[in-house]
Amino acid sequence: MKLELHYAPRACSLVPFITLTEAGASFEVVNVNMARREHLEPAFLKVNPKHKVPVLSMNGELLTENVAIQIWIARNFPQARLMPLAPAQEIKAIAFLAWCASGIHPALTPNAHPMQYCDVPGTEESVRRVAQKKLRENYRVAEDALNGKEWFFDHFTAADAYFFWCFRRGLQFNIELDEFVNCIAHGERMKERPSVQLALEYEARTLELFARAP
């Protein structure tokens, strides 16, 4: 099967990059330069009219939305154990992925694009402040869930990959997050995984490539 991941650096497409690598899947990466608004061009809108990454192409069949992509990867590469095996725990892991997508992620985006949430001039910092309050509430839930644990479930799963991106993105906005010691430690454990190291190296190379583009 030919797999292609439509990917943009710093975006949540980092998550399937990590989990596909964990799964040992052979996949190609299609870079999307969102800073140059390539995600709004007709060619990409044919791929995903929602103008977002990630998009996973499986022999040309397209799948969007990170939660669905993570479930697809886990089910097609069961040897990677990207979801808990016990049905009750698997459902909880899916709920966790949905929380990352619908709870944490929406509180991150206003930090980068506050004018998409309020177009009144001079309100940018207010939008960011409200978003960061919600972000900290979500991080507190994760902080408590990680108390005394290495991973959110009995072993590394896609839930860890998704939360890693969610917390790392907050740090990239220079939000003060020192209070979340368990989340920070989780991030450091993630960085020890070869899949994450490969993903971060690819991200750095892609950002450098985009910076050199005319």
N, C-alpha and C. Protein backbone atom coordinates (compact mmCIF):
# COMPACT_ATOMS: atom_id res chain seq x y z
N MET A 1 0.84 -1.20 0.00
CA MET A 1 0.00 0.00 0.00
C MET A 1 0.87 1.25 0.00
N LYS A 2 0.54 2.19 -0.87
CA LYS A 2 1.27 3.44 -0.92
C LYS A 2 0.64 4.44 0.04
N LEU A 3 1.43 4.91 0.99
CA LEU A 3 0.95 5.88 1.98
C LEU A 3 1.64 7.21 1.76
N GLU A 4 0.86 8.29 1.74
CA GLU A 4 1.39 9.64 1.65
C GLU A 4 0.79 10.47 2.77
N LEU A 5 1.65 11.17 3.48
CA LEU A 5 1.20 12.04 4.56
C LEU A 5 1.38 13.49 4.14
N HIS A 6 0.29 14.20 4.03
CA HIS A 6 0.35 15.64 3.78
C HIS A 6 0.64 16.33 5.11
N TYR A 7 1.73 17.06 5.12
CA TYR A 7 2.37 17.47 6.37
C TYR A 7 2.80 18.93 6.31
N ALA A 8 2.69 19.62 7.43
CA ALA A 8 3.25 20.97 7.56
C ALA A 8 4.02 21.03 8.88
N PRO A 9 5.21 21.60 8.88
CA PRO A 9 5.98 21.69 10.13
C PRO A 9 5.24 22.53 11.17
N ARG A 10 5.42 22.11 12.43
CA ARG A 10 4.80 22.72 13.61
C ARG A 10 3.31 22.37 13.73
N ALA A 11 2.69 21.92 12.67
CA ALA A 11 1.27 21.57 12.72
C ALA A 11 1.09 20.18 13.35
N CYS A 12 -0.17 19.84 13.61
CA CYS A 12 -0.44 18.56 14.28
C CYS A 12 -0.21 17.36 13.37
N SER A 13 0.22 17.59 12.14
CA SER A 13 0.63 16.48 11.28
C SER A 13 1.89 15.80 11.81
N LEU A 14 2.53 16.42 12.80
CA LEU A 14 3.64 15.76 13.49
C LEU A 14 3.17 14.45 14.12
N VAL A 15 1.91 14.42 14.55
CA VAL A 15 1.40 13.24 15.28
C VAL A 15 1.40 12.00 14.40
N PRO A 16 0.76 12.01 13.22
CA PRO A 16 0.84 10.80 12.39
C PRO A 16 2.23 10.50 11.87
N PHE A 17 3.08 11.53 11.73
CA PHE A 17 4.47 11.25 11.37
C PHE A 17 5.09 10.35 12.43
N ILE A 18 4.85 10.68 13.69
CA ILE A 18 5.40 9.87 14.79
C ILE A 18 4.79 8.48 14.80
N THR A 19 3.47 8.39 14.70
CA THR A 19 2.84 7.07 14.85
C THR A 19 3.07 6.18 13.63
N LEU A 20 3.13 6.76 12.45
CA LEU A 20 3.50 5.95 11.28
C LEU A 20 4.91 5.41 11.42
N THR A 21 5.81 6.21 11.96
CA THR A 21 7.18 5.77 12.18
C THR A 21 7.23 4.69 13.25
N GLU A 22 6.46 4.88 14.33
CA GLU A 22 6.38 3.85 15.38
C GLU A 22 5.86 2.53 14.80
N ALA A 23 4.95 2.64 13.84
CA ALA A 23 4.36 1.44 13.24
C ALA A 23 5.29 0.75 12.26
N GLY A 24 6.39 1.40 11.91
CA GLY A 24 7.28 0.84 10.91
C GLY A 24 6.72 0.92 9.51
N ALA A 25 5.78 1.85 9.29
CA ALA A 25 5.14 1.98 7.98
C ALA A 25 6.07 2.70 7.01
N SER A 26 6.00 2.30 5.77
CA SER A 26 6.71 3.01 4.70
C SER A 26 5.76 4.08 4.17
N PHE A 27 6.17 5.35 4.26
CA PHE A 27 5.30 6.42 3.80
C PHE A 27 6.12 7.57 3.23
N GLU A 28 5.51 8.26 2.30
CA GLU A 28 6.10 9.46 1.72
C GLU A 28 5.45 10.68 2.36
N VAL A 29 6.20 11.77 2.41
CA VAL A 29 5.69 13.01 2.99
C VAL A 29 5.50 14.04 1.89
N VAL A 30 4.33 14.64 1.86
CA VAL A 30 4.04 15.74 0.94
C VAL A 30 4.02 17.01 1.78
N ASN A 31 5.03 17.83 1.61
CA ASN A 31 5.14 19.05 2.42
C ASN A 31 4.14 20.11 1.96
N VAL A 32 3.54 20.77 2.92
CA VAL A 32 2.60 21.87 2.66
C VAL A 32 3.12 23.09 3.41
N ASN A 33 3.45 24.14 2.67
CA ASN A 33 3.97 25.37 3.29
C ASN A 33 2.79 26.27 3.63
N MET A 34 2.33 26.16 4.87
CA MET A 34 1.15 26.92 5.28
C MET A 34 1.47 28.40 5.43
N ALA A 35 2.73 28.73 5.71
CA ALA A 35 3.12 30.14 5.80
C ALA A 35 2.92 30.84 4.46
N ARG A 36 3.04 30.07 3.39
CA ARG A 36 2.81 30.61 2.04
C ARG A 36 1.40 30.30 1.54
N ARG A 37 0.57 29.84 2.46
CA ARG A 37 -0.85 29.63 2.20
C ARG A 37 -1.10 28.57 1.13
N GLU A 38 -0.20 27.61 1.06
CA GLU A 38 -0.40 26.53 0.09
C GLU A 38 -1.64 25.71 0.42
N HIS A 39 -2.03 25.70 1.70
CA HIS A 39 -3.20 24.93 2.09
C HIS A 39 -4.50 25.56 1.57
N LEU A 40 -4.41 26.79 1.05
CA LEU A 40 -5.59 27.46 0.51
C LEU A 40 -5.61 27.46 -1.02
N GLU A 41 -4.59 26.87 -1.62
CA GLU A 41 -4.52 26.83 -3.08
C GLU A 41 -5.42 25.71 -3.63
N PRO A 42 -5.91 25.89 -4.86
CA PRO A 42 -6.84 24.90 -5.43
C PRO A 42 -6.31 23.47 -5.41
N ALA A 43 -5.01 23.30 -5.62
CA ALA A 43 -4.45 21.94 -5.66
C ALA A 43 -4.63 21.24 -4.32
N PHE A 44 -4.39 21.97 -3.23
CA PHE A 44 -4.55 21.33 -1.92
C PHE A 44 -6.02 21.21 -1.54
N LEU A 45 -6.83 22.16 -1.92
CA LEU A 45 -8.25 22.08 -1.57
C LEU A 45 -8.93 20.88 -2.22
N LYS A 46 -8.36 20.37 -3.31
CA LYS A 46 -8.87 19.13 -3.89
C LYS A 46 -8.55 17.94 -2.99
N VAL A 47 -7.45 18.06 -2.28
CA VAL A 47 -7.06 17.01 -1.33
C VAL A 47 -7.89 17.10 -0.07
N ASN A 48 -8.03 18.31 0.46
CA ASN A 48 -8.81 18.52 1.67
C ASN A 48 -9.48 19.89 1.62
N PRO A 49 -10.75 19.93 1.29
CA PRO A 49 -11.45 21.22 1.22
C PRO A 49 -11.54 21.92 2.57
N LYS A 50 -11.21 21.21 3.64
CA LYS A 50 -11.17 21.85 4.96
C LYS A 50 -9.87 22.61 5.17
N HIS A 51 -9.01 22.61 4.17
CA HIS A 51 -7.72 23.31 4.12
C HIS A 51 -6.86 23.10 5.38
N LYS A 52 -6.73 21.85 5.77
CA LYS A 52 -5.95 21.52 6.96
C LYS A 52 -5.09 20.28 6.71
N VAL A 53 -4.03 20.18 7.48
CA VAL A 53 -3.27 18.95 7.60
C VAL A 53 -3.49 18.42 9.02
N PRO A 54 -3.28 17.11 9.21
CA PRO A 54 -2.78 16.12 8.27
C PRO A 54 -3.87 15.57 7.36
N VAL A 55 -3.40 15.04 6.23
CA VAL A 55 -4.21 14.20 5.36
C VAL A 55 -3.38 12.95 5.08
N LEU A 56 -3.96 11.79 5.24
CA LEU A 56 -3.28 10.54 4.93
C LEU A 56 -3.91 9.95 3.68
N SER A 57 -3.08 9.73 2.68
CA SER A 57 -3.53 9.11 1.43
C SER A 57 -3.11 7.65 1.44
N MET A 58 -4.08 6.76 1.22
CA MET A 58 -3.84 5.32 1.22
C MET A 58 -4.23 4.80 -0.15
N ASN A 59 -3.22 4.61 -1.01
CA ASN A 59 -3.47 4.24 -2.41
C ASN A 59 -4.44 5.22 -3.06
N GLY A 60 -4.30 6.49 -2.70
CA GLY A 60 -5.14 7.53 -3.28
C GLY A 60 -6.42 7.80 -2.53
N GLU A 61 -6.79 6.93 -1.60
CA GLU A 61 -7.98 7.18 -0.78
C GLU A 61 -7.58 8.10 0.37
N LEU A 62 -8.31 9.19 0.54
CA LEU A 62 -7.89 10.24 1.46
C LEU A 62 -8.63 10.16 2.78
N LEU A 63 -7.88 10.34 3.86
CA LEU A 63 -8.45 10.35 5.20
C LEU A 63 -7.96 11.60 5.92
N THR A 64 -8.90 12.35 6.47
CA THR A 64 -8.57 13.56 7.22
C THR A 64 -8.96 13.37 8.69
N GLU A 65 -8.55 14.32 9.52
CA GLU A 65 -8.83 14.38 10.96
C GLU A 65 -7.92 13.41 11.72
N ASN A 66 -7.19 13.99 12.64
CA ASN A 66 -6.16 13.23 13.34
C ASN A 66 -6.71 12.04 14.12
N VAL A 67 -7.87 12.19 14.73
CA VAL A 67 -8.42 11.07 15.50
C VAL A 67 -8.64 9.86 14.59
N ALA A 68 -9.26 10.09 13.44
CA ALA A 68 -9.52 9.00 12.50
C ALA A 68 -8.21 8.41 11.96
N ILE A 69 -7.25 9.28 11.68
CA ILE A 69 -5.97 8.81 11.15
C ILE A 69 -5.26 7.94 12.17
N GLN A 70 -5.29 8.34 13.44
CA GLN A 70 -4.63 7.55 14.48
C GLN A 70 -5.28 6.18 14.63
N ILE A 71 -6.59 6.14 14.57
CA ILE A 71 -7.29 4.85 14.68
C ILE A 71 -6.96 3.98 13.48
N TRP A 72 -6.91 4.57 12.29
CA TRP A 72 -6.57 3.79 11.09
C TRP A 72 -5.18 3.20 11.22
N ILE A 73 -4.21 4.00 11.64
CA ILE A 73 -2.84 3.50 11.77
C ILE A 73 -2.79 2.37 12.79
N ALA A 74 -3.43 2.58 13.93
CA ALA A 74 -3.41 1.56 14.99
C ALA A 74 -4.02 0.25 14.52
N ARG A 75 -5.11 0.32 13.77
CA ARG A 75 -5.79 -0.90 13.34
C ARG A 75 -5.07 -1.60 12.20
N ASN A 76 -4.35 -0.84 11.39
CA ASN A 76 -3.65 -1.44 10.25
C ASN A 76 -2.24 -1.89 10.59
N PHE A 77 -1.74 -1.45 11.73
CA PHE A 77 -0.42 -1.87 12.20
C PHE A 77 -0.54 -2.30 13.67
N PRO A 78 -1.29 -3.36 13.93
CA PRO A 78 -1.57 -3.74 15.33
C PRO A 78 -0.34 -4.12 16.11
N GLN A 79 0.72 -4.56 15.41
CA GLN A 79 1.94 -4.96 16.11
C GLN A 79 2.59 -3.78 16.82
N ALA A 80 2.27 -2.57 16.42
CA ALA A 80 2.87 -1.38 17.04
C ALA A 80 2.20 -1.03 18.36
N ARG A 81 1.05 -1.61 18.65
CA ARG A 81 0.33 -1.40 19.92
C ARG A 81 0.10 0.10 20.17
N LEU A 82 -0.41 0.78 19.16
CA LEU A 82 -0.64 2.22 19.28
C LEU A 82 -1.93 2.56 20.01
N MET A 83 -2.72 1.54 20.30
CA MET A 83 -3.90 1.70 21.15
C MET A 83 -3.89 0.57 22.18
N PRO A 84 -4.48 0.77 23.33
CA PRO A 84 -4.57 -0.33 24.30
C PRO A 84 -5.35 -1.50 23.72
N LEU A 85 -5.00 -2.70 24.13
CA LEU A 85 -5.66 -3.89 23.61
C LEU A 85 -7.03 -4.12 24.23
N ALA A 86 -7.17 -3.86 25.52
CA ALA A 86 -8.45 -4.08 26.19
C ALA A 86 -9.50 -3.12 25.64
N PRO A 87 -10.67 -3.62 25.23
CA PRO A 87 -11.69 -2.76 24.63
C PRO A 87 -12.05 -1.54 25.48
N ALA A 88 -12.17 -1.72 26.78
CA ALA A 88 -12.54 -0.59 27.64
C ALA A 88 -11.46 0.48 27.62
N GLN A 89 -10.20 0.06 27.60
CA GLN A 89 -9.11 1.02 27.55
C GLN A 89 -8.96 1.64 26.17
N GLU A 90 -9.27 0.85 25.12
CA GLU A 90 -9.21 1.41 23.77
C GLU A 90 -10.21 2.55 23.62
N ILE A 91 -11.42 2.37 24.15
CA ILE A 91 -12.43 3.42 24.07
C ILE A 91 -11.95 4.67 24.81
N LYS A 92 -11.30 4.48 25.94
CA LYS A 92 -10.78 5.62 26.69
C LYS A 92 -9.67 6.33 25.93
N ALA A 93 -8.87 5.55 25.21
CA ALA A 93 -7.80 6.15 24.40
C ALA A 93 -8.38 6.96 23.25
N ILE A 94 -9.46 6.46 22.64
CA ILE A 94 -10.12 7.22 21.58
C ILE A 94 -10.70 8.51 22.15
N ALA A 95 -11.28 8.43 23.33
CA ALA A 95 -11.79 9.63 23.99
C ALA A 95 -10.67 10.62 24.26
N PHE A 96 -9.50 10.11 24.62
CA PHE A 96 -8.34 10.98 24.87
C PHE A 96 -7.93 11.70 23.59
N LEU A 97 -7.88 10.96 22.47
CA LEU A 97 -7.53 11.56 21.19
C LEU A 97 -8.54 12.65 20.82
N ALA A 98 -9.82 12.37 21.06
CA ALA A 98 -10.85 13.37 20.76
C ALA A 98 -10.69 14.60 21.64
N TRP A 99 -10.29 14.41 22.87
CA TRP A 99 -10.06 15.55 23.78
C TRP A 99 -8.90 16.40 23.28
N CYS A 100 -7.83 15.76 22.82
CA CYS A 100 -6.71 16.53 22.25
C CYS A 100 -7.19 17.37 21.07
N ALA A 101 -8.05 16.75 20.22
CA ALA A 101 -8.49 17.43 19.01
C ALA A 101 -9.51 18.52 19.28
N SER A 102 -10.43 18.27 20.20
CA SER A 102 -11.55 19.19 20.38
C SER A 102 -11.43 20.04 21.65
N GLY A 103 -10.54 19.64 22.55
CA GLY A 103 -10.39 20.38 23.80
C GLY A 103 -9.12 21.21 23.85
N ILE A 104 -7.99 20.57 23.60
CA ILE A 104 -6.71 21.28 23.72
C ILE A 104 -6.40 22.07 22.46
N HIS A 105 -6.51 21.43 21.30
CA HIS A 105 -6.12 22.08 20.04
C HIS A 105 -6.83 23.42 19.82
N PRO A 106 -8.15 23.52 20.06
CA PRO A 106 -8.81 24.81 19.84
C PRO A 106 -8.31 25.93 20.75
N ALA A 107 -7.70 25.59 21.87
CA ALA A 107 -7.14 26.62 22.74
C ALA A 107 -5.73 27.01 22.33
N LEU A 108 -5.14 26.26 21.41
CA LEU A 108 -3.81 26.60 20.90
C LEU A 108 -3.88 27.57 19.73
N THR A 109 -4.80 27.33 18.82
CA THR A 109 -4.86 28.10 17.57
C THR A 109 -4.99 29.61 17.80
N PRO A 110 -5.78 30.10 18.76
CA PRO A 110 -5.90 31.55 18.94
C PRO A 110 -4.58 32.24 19.28
N ASN A 111 -3.62 31.50 19.79
CA ASN A 111 -2.32 32.10 20.09
C ASN A 111 -1.58 32.47 18.81
N ALA A 112 -1.82 31.72 17.74
CA ALA A 112 -1.17 32.00 16.47
C ALA A 112 -1.99 32.94 15.60
N HIS A 113 -3.32 32.82 15.69
CA HIS A 113 -4.20 33.58 14.80
C HIS A 113 -5.34 34.22 15.58
N PRO A 114 -5.05 35.14 16.50
CA PRO A 114 -6.12 35.73 17.33
C PRO A 114 -7.17 36.47 16.54
N MET A 115 -6.79 37.04 15.39
CA MET A 115 -7.75 37.82 14.61
C MET A 115 -8.81 36.95 13.94
N GLN A 116 -8.59 35.63 13.94
CA GLN A 116 -9.63 34.74 13.42
C GLN A 116 -10.76 34.55 14.43
N TYR A 117 -10.51 34.99 15.67
CA TYR A 117 -11.48 34.79 16.74
C TYR A 117 -12.16 36.09 17.16
N CYS A 118 -11.50 37.20 16.91
CA CYS A 118 -12.10 38.52 17.16
C CYS A 118 -11.39 39.52 16.25
N ASP A 119 -12.14 40.15 15.36
CA ASP A 119 -11.52 41.04 14.39
C ASP A 119 -11.53 42.51 14.83
N VAL A 120 -11.85 42.76 16.10
CA VAL A 120 -11.80 44.12 16.63
C VAL A 120 -10.34 44.48 16.89
N PRO A 121 -9.85 45.55 16.31
CA PRO A 121 -8.43 45.92 16.51
C PRO A 121 -8.10 46.09 17.98
N GLY A 122 -6.92 45.60 18.34
CA GLY A 122 -6.44 45.74 19.71
C GLY A 122 -6.89 44.66 20.67
N THR A 123 -7.59 43.65 20.17
CA THR A 123 -8.09 42.58 21.06
C THR A 123 -7.21 41.34 21.06
N GLU A 124 -6.10 41.39 20.33
CA GLU A 124 -5.29 40.18 20.17
C GLU A 124 -4.83 39.59 21.50
N GLU A 125 -4.33 40.43 22.38
CA GLU A 125 -3.82 39.91 23.65
C GLU A 125 -4.94 39.38 24.53
N SER A 126 -6.10 39.99 24.44
CA SER A 126 -7.25 39.48 25.20
C SER A 126 -7.65 38.10 24.71
N VAL A 127 -7.65 37.90 23.39
CA VAL A 127 -7.98 36.59 22.83
C VAL A 127 -6.96 35.56 23.31
N ARG A 128 -5.68 35.92 23.24
CA ARG A 128 -4.64 34.99 23.70
C ARG A 128 -4.79 34.67 25.18
N ARG A 129 -5.10 35.67 25.98
CA ARG A 129 -5.22 35.46 27.43
C ARG A 129 -6.35 34.49 27.75
N VAL A 130 -7.49 34.65 27.10
CA VAL A 130 -8.61 33.74 27.32
C VAL A 130 -8.27 32.33 26.86
N ALA A 131 -7.61 32.23 25.70
CA ALA A 131 -7.23 30.92 25.18
C ALA A 131 -6.25 30.22 26.11
N GLN A 132 -5.31 30.97 26.65
CA GLN A 132 -4.30 30.37 27.52
C GLN A 132 -4.90 29.92 28.84
N LYS A 133 -5.94 30.60 29.29
CA LYS A 133 -6.64 30.14 30.49
C LYS A 133 -7.26 28.76 30.24
N LYS A 134 -7.91 28.60 29.09
CA LYS A 134 -8.49 27.30 28.75
C LYS A 134 -7.39 26.26 28.56
N LEU A 135 -6.27 26.67 27.98
CA LEU A 135 -5.17 25.76 27.74
C LEU A 135 -4.63 25.22 29.06
N ARG A 136 -4.44 26.10 30.02
CA ARG A 136 -3.93 25.66 31.32
C ARG A 136 -4.92 24.72 32.02
N GLU A 137 -6.20 24.96 31.87
CA GLU A 137 -7.19 24.05 32.45
C GLU A 137 -7.03 22.65 31.88
N ASN A 138 -6.81 22.57 30.58
CA ASN A 138 -6.63 21.26 29.94
C ASN A 138 -5.30 20.63 30.35
N TYR A 139 -4.25 21.42 30.39
CA TYR A 139 -2.95 20.88 30.80
C TYR A 139 -3.01 20.37 32.24
N ARG A 140 -3.81 21.00 33.08
CA ARG A 140 -3.93 20.53 34.46
C ARG A 140 -4.55 19.15 34.50
N VAL A 141 -5.52 18.89 33.64
CA VAL A 141 -6.12 17.55 33.57
C VAL A 141 -5.05 16.52 33.19
N ALA A 142 -4.24 16.86 32.19
CA ALA A 142 -3.18 15.95 31.75
C ALA A 142 -2.13 15.79 32.85
N GLU A 143 -1.80 16.87 33.52
CA GLU A 143 -0.81 16.81 34.60
C GLU A 143 -1.24 15.82 35.67
N ASP A 144 -2.50 15.88 36.06
CA ASP A 144 -3.01 14.96 37.08
C ASP A 144 -3.06 13.52 36.55
N ALA A 145 -3.40 13.36 35.27
CA ALA A 145 -3.49 12.02 34.69
C ALA A 145 -2.12 11.34 34.62
N LEU A 146 -1.06 12.14 34.52
CA LEU A 146 0.30 11.60 34.42
C LEU A 146 0.96 11.40 35.78
N ASN A 147 0.29 11.75 36.84
CA ASN A 147 0.90 11.64 38.16
C ASN A 147 1.31 10.19 38.46
N GLY A 148 2.60 9.97 38.63
CA GLY A 148 3.12 8.64 38.92
C GLY A 148 3.17 7.71 37.72
N LYS A 149 2.99 8.24 36.52
CA LYS A 149 2.94 7.39 35.32
C LYS A 149 3.91 7.91 34.27
N GLU A 150 4.40 7.00 33.44
CA GLU A 150 5.24 7.39 32.31
C GLU A 150 4.39 7.78 31.11
N TRP A 151 3.32 7.02 30.87
CA TRP A 151 2.46 7.22 29.71
C TRP A 151 1.02 7.33 30.17
N PHE A 152 0.14 7.79 29.30
CA PHE A 152 -1.25 7.97 29.71
C PHE A 152 -1.98 6.65 29.90
N PHE A 153 -1.50 5.60 29.22
CA PHE A 153 -2.07 4.27 29.41
C PHE A 153 -0.94 3.33 29.85
N ASP A 154 -1.16 2.02 29.78
CA ASP A 154 -0.19 1.09 30.32
C ASP A 154 1.13 1.08 29.56
N HIS A 155 1.12 1.57 28.33
CA HIS A 155 2.33 1.64 27.52
C HIS A 155 2.16 2.82 26.57
N PHE A 156 3.20 3.15 25.84
CA PHE A 156 3.13 4.22 24.86
C PHE A 156 2.02 3.94 23.84
N THR A 157 1.20 4.95 23.56
CA THR A 157 0.15 4.84 22.56
C THR A 157 0.08 6.13 21.75
N ALA A 158 -0.84 6.14 20.79
CA ALA A 158 -1.07 7.35 20.00
C ALA A 158 -1.50 8.51 20.87
N ALA A 159 -2.10 8.23 22.02
CA ALA A 159 -2.48 9.30 22.95
C ALA A 159 -1.26 10.10 23.38
N ASP A 160 -0.16 9.43 23.62
CA ASP A 160 1.07 10.11 24.03
C ASP A 160 1.61 10.98 22.89
N ALA A 161 1.52 10.46 21.67
CA ALA A 161 2.01 11.23 20.53
C ALA A 161 1.20 12.50 20.34
N TYR A 162 -0.12 12.38 20.46
CA TYR A 162 -0.98 13.55 20.25
C TYR A 162 -0.76 14.58 21.36
N PHE A 163 -0.69 14.12 22.61
CA PHE A 163 -0.49 15.09 23.69
C PHE A 163 0.88 15.74 23.60
N PHE A 164 1.88 14.99 23.16
CA PHE A 164 3.21 15.57 23.00
C PHE A 164 3.14 16.80 22.09
N TRP A 165 2.43 16.66 20.97
CA TRP A 165 2.30 17.82 20.09
C TRP A 165 1.54 18.95 20.78
N CYS A 166 0.45 18.61 21.47
CA CYS A 166 -0.38 19.63 22.13
C CYS A 166 0.42 20.43 23.16
N PHE A 167 1.26 19.78 23.92
CA PHE A 167 2.02 20.49 24.95
C PHE A 167 3.21 21.22 24.33
N ARG A 168 3.86 20.59 23.40
CA ARG A 168 5.00 21.24 22.73
C ARG A 168 4.57 22.50 22.01
N ARG A 169 3.39 22.48 21.40
CA ARG A 169 2.91 23.66 20.69
C ARG A 169 2.70 24.82 21.66
N GLY A 170 2.21 24.52 22.86
CA GLY A 170 2.07 25.58 23.85
C GLY A 170 3.40 26.19 24.22
N LEU A 171 4.42 25.36 24.35
CA LEU A 171 5.76 25.87 24.65
C LEU A 171 6.29 26.74 23.51
N GLN A 172 5.93 26.40 22.28
CA GLN A 172 6.39 27.18 21.13
C GLN A 172 5.79 28.58 21.11
N PHE A 173 4.70 28.78 21.81
CA PHE A 173 4.10 30.10 21.91
C PHE A 173 4.66 30.89 23.10
N ASN A 174 5.70 30.33 23.73
CA ASN A 174 6.36 30.98 24.87
C ASN A 174 5.40 31.21 26.04
N ILE A 175 4.46 30.28 26.20
CA ILE A 175 3.57 30.32 27.35
C ILE A 175 4.32 29.73 28.54
N GLU A 176 4.22 30.36 29.69
CA GLU A 176 4.90 29.89 30.89
C GLU A 176 4.17 28.65 31.41
N LEU A 177 4.84 27.50 31.33
CA LEU A 177 4.21 26.23 31.69
C LEU A 177 5.04 25.43 32.69
N ASP A 178 5.92 26.08 33.42
CA ASP A 178 6.82 25.38 34.33
C ASP A 178 6.08 24.60 35.42
N GLU A 179 4.86 24.99 35.72
CA GLU A 179 4.11 24.33 36.79
C GLU A 179 3.72 22.90 36.42
N PHE A 180 3.72 22.58 35.13
CA PHE A 180 3.25 21.27 34.68
C PHE A 180 4.44 20.31 34.56
N VAL A 181 4.95 19.92 35.71
CA VAL A 181 6.19 19.14 35.74
C VAL A 181 6.01 17.75 35.13
N ASN A 182 4.85 17.14 35.33
CA ASN A 182 4.61 15.82 34.75
C ASN A 182 4.52 15.89 33.23
N CYS A 183 3.88 16.94 32.72
CA CYS A 183 3.77 17.12 31.27
C CYS A 183 5.15 17.37 30.65
N ILE A 184 5.97 18.15 31.35
CA ILE A 184 7.32 18.42 30.86
C ILE A 184 8.14 17.13 30.83
N ALA A 185 8.03 16.33 31.91
CA ALA A 185 8.77 15.07 31.96
C ALA A 185 8.29 14.11 30.88
N HIS A 186 6.99 14.11 30.62
CA HIS A 186 6.44 13.28 29.54
C HIS A 186 7.05 13.69 28.20
N GLY A 187 7.16 15.00 27.99
CA GLY A 187 7.76 15.48 26.74
C GLY A 187 9.20 15.06 26.60
N GLU A 188 9.94 15.07 27.69
CA GLU A 188 11.34 14.64 27.64
C GLU A 188 11.45 13.15 27.33
N ARG A 189 10.54 12.34 27.89
CA ARG A 189 10.53 10.91 27.57
C ARG A 189 10.21 10.70 26.09
N MET A 190 9.28 11.49 25.59
CA MET A 190 8.92 11.38 24.17
C MET A 190 10.13 11.67 23.29
N LYS A 191 10.91 12.65 23.64
CA LYS A 191 12.06 13.04 22.83
C LYS A 191 13.15 11.96 22.81
N GLU A 192 13.07 11.00 23.72
CA GLU A 192 14.03 9.89 23.73
C GLU A 192 13.65 8.80 22.72
N ARG A 193 12.42 8.85 22.21
CA ARG A 193 11.97 7.82 21.28
C ARG A 193 12.53 8.10 19.89
N PRO A 194 13.07 7.10 19.21
CA PRO A 194 13.61 7.31 17.86
C PRO A 194 12.60 7.91 16.89
N SER A 195 11.33 7.54 17.02
CA SER A 195 10.30 8.07 16.12
C SER A 195 10.17 9.58 16.28
N VAL A 196 10.23 10.04 17.50
CA VAL A 196 10.10 11.48 17.77
C VAL A 196 11.35 12.22 17.31
N GLN A 197 12.50 11.63 17.56
CA GLN A 197 13.74 12.25 17.09
C GLN A 197 13.73 12.41 15.58
N LEU A 198 13.27 11.37 14.88
CA LEU A 198 13.19 11.44 13.42
C LEU A 198 12.21 12.52 12.98
N ALA A 199 11.06 12.60 13.65
CA ALA A 199 10.04 13.59 13.30
C ALA A 199 10.55 15.01 13.52
N LEU A 200 11.25 15.23 14.63
CA LEU A 200 11.76 16.57 14.92
C LEU A 200 12.88 16.95 13.96
N GLU A 201 13.70 15.98 13.60
CA GLU A 201 14.75 16.26 12.61
C GLU A 201 14.13 16.61 11.26
N TYR A 202 13.09 15.89 10.89
CA TYR A 202 12.43 16.19 9.61
C TYR A 202 11.80 17.58 9.66
N GLU A 203 11.19 17.91 10.77
CA GLU A 203 10.58 19.23 10.92
C GLU A 203 11.62 20.33 10.75
N ALA A 204 12.77 20.17 11.39
CA ALA A 204 13.83 21.18 11.30
C ALA A 204 14.33 21.33 9.87
N ARG A 205 14.50 20.20 9.18
CA ARG A 205 14.96 20.26 7.78
C ARG A 205 13.92 20.94 6.89
N THR A 206 12.66 20.65 7.14
CA THR A 206 11.61 21.23 6.31
C THR A 206 11.50 22.74 6.55
N LEU A 207 11.61 23.16 7.79
CA LEU A 207 11.59 24.59 8.08
C LEU A 207 12.76 25.31 7.41
N GLU A 208 13.92 24.67 7.41
CA GLU A 208 15.09 25.26 6.75
C GLU A 208 14.86 25.33 5.25
N LEU A 209 14.26 24.27 4.68
CA LEU A 209 13.97 24.25 3.25
C LEU A 209 12.98 25.36 2.89
N PHE A 210 11.95 25.53 3.69
CA PHE A 210 10.97 26.58 3.43
C PHE A 210 11.61 27.96 3.54
N ALA A 211 12.53 28.13 4.49
CA ALA A 211 13.16 29.43 4.69
C ALA A 211 14.04 29.80 3.50
N ARG A 212 14.61 28.79 2.82
CA ARG A 212 15.48 29.06 1.68
C ARG A 212 14.72 29.23 0.37
N ALA A 213 13.43 28.86 0.39
CA ALA A 213 12.65 28.91 -0.86
C ALA A 213 12.48 30.36 -1.32
N PRO A 214 12.62 30.61 -2.63
CA PRO A 214 12.49 31.98 -3.14
C PRO A 214 11.05 32.50 -3.03
